[in-house]
Amino acid sequence: MFNAITLSSARTVCGYTQEEAARHCGVSPIIIEKYEKDCTDMPINLACKISRLYDISLDDLYIGKAE
């Protein structure tokens, strides 16, 4: 069974800080922090930017509240 990766884990694996990821996605670091905690209502355009930045399929990202 496949386990999806959280936004925070994907960012860390790619070597980005929240600030760097925010800059690449055109949002504030607080937005990245917010969606790393709970991405259930993340806009699809931001999800697409993040998946491209982290080079990971949207299907492989965990969508929900971080544990």
N, C-alpha and C. Protein backbone atom coordinates (compact mmCIF):
# COMPACT_ATOMS: atom_id res chain seq x y z
N MET A 1 0.83 -1.17 0.00
CA MET A 1 0.00 0.00 0.00
C MET A 1 0.89 1.25 0.00
N PHE A 2 0.53 2.22 -0.80
CA PHE A 2 1.32 3.44 -0.96
C PHE A 2 0.88 4.48 0.06
N ASN A 3 1.84 5.13 0.69
CA ASN A 3 1.56 6.23 1.61
C ASN A 3 1.87 7.53 0.91
N ALA A 4 0.90 8.43 0.90
CA ALA A 4 1.11 9.74 0.30
C ALA A 4 2.05 10.56 1.18
N ILE A 5 2.74 11.50 0.58
CA ILE A 5 3.70 12.33 1.29
C ILE A 5 3.05 13.67 1.66
N THR A 6 3.34 14.15 2.85
CA THR A 6 2.80 15.43 3.27
C THR A 6 3.53 16.57 2.57
N LEU A 7 2.90 17.73 2.54
CA LEU A 7 3.53 18.90 1.93
C LEU A 7 4.84 19.24 2.63
N SER A 8 4.83 19.16 3.94
CA SER A 8 6.03 19.48 4.71
C SER A 8 7.17 18.52 4.39
N SER A 9 6.87 17.23 4.33
CA SER A 9 7.89 16.23 4.02
C SER A 9 8.42 16.41 2.60
N ALA A 10 7.52 16.67 1.66
CA ALA A 10 7.94 16.87 0.27
C ALA A 10 8.86 18.08 0.16
N ARG A 11 8.51 19.15 0.85
CA ARG A 11 9.34 20.36 0.84
C ARG A 11 10.71 20.08 1.42
N THR A 12 10.74 19.39 2.54
CA THR A 12 12.00 19.08 3.20
C THR A 12 12.89 18.20 2.33
N VAL A 13 12.30 17.19 1.71
CA VAL A 13 13.06 16.30 0.83
C VAL A 13 13.68 17.08 -0.34
N CYS A 14 12.95 18.09 -0.82
CA CYS A 14 13.45 18.90 -1.93
C CYS A 14 14.46 19.95 -1.50
N GLY A 15 14.61 20.13 -0.19
CA GLY A 15 15.62 21.06 0.32
C GLY A 15 15.18 22.51 0.38
N TYR A 16 13.87 22.75 0.35
CA TYR A 16 13.36 24.12 0.42
C TYR A 16 12.97 24.49 1.85
N THR A 17 13.16 25.75 2.19
CA THR A 17 12.57 26.29 3.41
C THR A 17 11.16 26.73 3.05
N GLN A 18 10.36 27.04 4.06
CA GLN A 18 9.02 27.56 3.78
C GLN A 18 9.12 28.87 3.01
N GLU A 19 10.09 29.68 3.35
CA GLU A 19 10.27 30.96 2.69
C GLU A 19 10.62 30.78 1.20
N GLU A 20 11.51 29.85 0.91
CA GLU A 20 11.89 29.60 -0.48
C GLU A 20 10.72 29.05 -1.28
N ALA A 21 10.00 28.10 -0.70
CA ALA A 21 8.84 27.53 -1.39
C ALA A 21 7.79 28.61 -1.65
N ALA A 22 7.57 29.46 -0.67
CA ALA A 22 6.60 30.55 -0.83
C ALA A 22 7.00 31.48 -1.96
N ARG A 23 8.26 31.84 -2.01
CA ARG A 23 8.76 32.74 -3.06
C ARG A 23 8.55 32.12 -4.44
N HIS A 24 8.86 30.85 -4.60
CA HIS A 24 8.69 30.16 -5.89
C HIS A 24 7.21 30.07 -6.28
N CYS A 25 6.33 29.99 -5.31
CA CYS A 25 4.90 29.83 -5.59
C CYS A 25 4.15 31.16 -5.61
N GLY A 26 4.83 32.24 -5.26
CA GLY A 26 4.20 33.55 -5.29
C GLY A 26 3.22 33.80 -4.15
N VAL A 27 3.48 33.18 -3.00
CA VAL A 27 2.64 33.38 -1.81
C VAL A 27 3.53 33.72 -0.62
N SER A 28 2.91 34.06 0.50
CA SER A 28 3.70 34.34 1.70
C SER A 28 4.05 33.04 2.42
N PRO A 29 5.11 33.06 3.21
CA PRO A 29 5.48 31.87 3.97
C PRO A 29 4.36 31.40 4.91
N ILE A 30 3.54 32.32 5.37
CA ILE A 30 2.43 31.94 6.26
C ILE A 30 1.44 31.05 5.52
N ILE A 31 1.26 31.28 4.23
CA ILE A 31 0.36 30.44 3.43
C ILE A 31 0.92 29.02 3.34
N ILE A 32 2.22 28.91 3.09
CA ILE A 32 2.85 27.58 3.03
C ILE A 32 2.69 26.88 4.37
N GLU A 33 2.95 27.59 5.45
CA GLU A 33 2.81 27.01 6.79
C GLU A 33 1.37 26.56 7.04
N LYS A 34 0.42 27.38 6.66
CA LYS A 34 -1.00 27.05 6.86
C LYS A 34 -1.36 25.74 6.15
N TYR A 35 -1.01 25.64 4.88
CA TYR A 35 -1.39 24.46 4.12
C TYR A 35 -0.57 23.23 4.48
N GLU A 36 0.60 23.40 5.06
CA GLU A 36 1.34 22.24 5.56
C GLU A 36 0.64 21.64 6.78
N LYS A 37 -0.09 22.47 7.52
CA LYS A 37 -0.84 21.97 8.68
C LYS A 37 -2.17 21.36 8.27
N ASP A 38 -2.82 21.96 7.27
CA ASP A 38 -4.13 21.47 6.82
C ASP A 38 -4.36 21.96 5.40
N CYS A 39 -4.24 21.07 4.45
CA CYS A 39 -4.37 21.48 3.04
C CYS A 39 -5.69 21.05 2.43
N THR A 40 -6.68 20.77 3.28
CA THR A 40 -7.97 20.32 2.75
C THR A 40 -8.67 21.37 1.89
N ASP A 41 -8.38 22.65 2.11
CA ASP A 41 -9.03 23.70 1.32
C ASP A 41 -8.03 24.50 0.48
N MET A 42 -6.91 23.89 0.15
CA MET A 42 -5.89 24.57 -0.65
C MET A 42 -6.39 24.75 -2.08
N PRO A 43 -6.25 25.96 -2.64
CA PRO A 43 -6.66 26.19 -4.03
C PRO A 43 -5.89 25.28 -4.99
N ILE A 44 -6.57 24.79 -6.01
CA ILE A 44 -5.94 23.85 -6.94
C ILE A 44 -4.76 24.49 -7.66
N ASN A 45 -4.83 25.80 -7.95
CA ASN A 45 -3.70 26.42 -8.64
C ASN A 45 -2.44 26.42 -7.78
N LEU A 46 -2.60 26.59 -6.47
CA LEU A 46 -1.44 26.52 -5.58
C LEU A 46 -0.94 25.08 -5.46
N ALA A 47 -1.86 24.14 -5.38
CA ALA A 47 -1.47 22.72 -5.31
C ALA A 47 -0.66 22.34 -6.55
N CYS A 48 -1.07 22.83 -7.70
CA CYS A 48 -0.33 22.53 -8.93
C CYS A 48 1.06 23.16 -8.92
N LYS A 49 1.17 24.40 -8.44
CA LYS A 49 2.48 25.05 -8.35
C LYS A 49 3.41 24.27 -7.42
N ILE A 50 2.87 23.86 -6.29
CA ILE A 50 3.66 23.11 -5.31
C ILE A 50 4.09 21.76 -5.87
N SER A 51 3.18 21.07 -6.54
CA SER A 51 3.53 19.76 -7.08
C SER A 51 4.62 19.87 -8.15
N ARG A 52 4.57 20.93 -8.94
CA ARG A 52 5.62 21.14 -9.95
C ARG A 52 6.94 21.49 -9.27
N LEU A 53 6.89 22.37 -8.27
CA LEU A 53 8.11 22.77 -7.57
C LEU A 53 8.78 21.57 -6.90
N TYR A 54 7.98 20.73 -6.27
CA TYR A 54 8.52 19.57 -5.55
C TYR A 54 8.68 18.35 -6.45
N ASP A 55 8.30 18.49 -7.72
CA ASP A 55 8.39 17.41 -8.70
C ASP A 55 7.71 16.14 -8.20
N ILE A 56 6.45 16.30 -7.81
CA ILE A 56 5.67 15.19 -7.31
C ILE A 56 4.24 15.31 -7.85
N SER A 57 3.66 14.20 -8.17
CA SER A 57 2.30 14.18 -8.68
C SER A 57 1.31 14.61 -7.59
N LEU A 58 0.25 15.29 -8.00
CA LEU A 58 -0.81 15.62 -7.04
C LEU A 58 -1.37 14.36 -6.40
N ASP A 59 -1.39 13.27 -7.14
CA ASP A 59 -1.90 12.00 -6.62
C ASP A 59 -1.04 11.48 -5.46
N ASP A 60 0.21 11.88 -5.42
CA ASP A 60 1.12 11.39 -4.38
C ASP A 60 1.19 12.27 -3.14
N LEU A 61 0.53 13.44 -3.20
CA LEU A 61 0.51 14.34 -2.04
C LEU A 61 -0.63 13.97 -1.11
N TYR A 62 -0.32 13.99 0.18
CA TYR A 62 -1.34 13.76 1.19
C TYR A 62 -2.19 15.02 1.31
N ILE A 63 -3.49 14.88 1.14
CA ILE A 63 -4.42 16.00 1.26
C ILE A 63 -5.22 15.78 2.53
N GLY A 64 -4.99 16.61 3.52
CA GLY A 64 -5.67 16.49 4.80
C GLY A 64 -4.93 17.27 5.85
N LYS A 65 -5.26 16.98 7.10
CA LYS A 65 -4.60 17.63 8.23
C LYS A 65 -3.35 16.85 8.61
N ALA A 66 -2.27 17.58 8.85
CA ALA A 66 -1.02 16.94 9.28
C ALA A 66 -1.21 16.37 10.67
N GLU A 67 -0.56 15.27 10.91
CA GLU A 67 -0.69 14.61 12.23
C GLU A 67 0.35 15.11 13.18
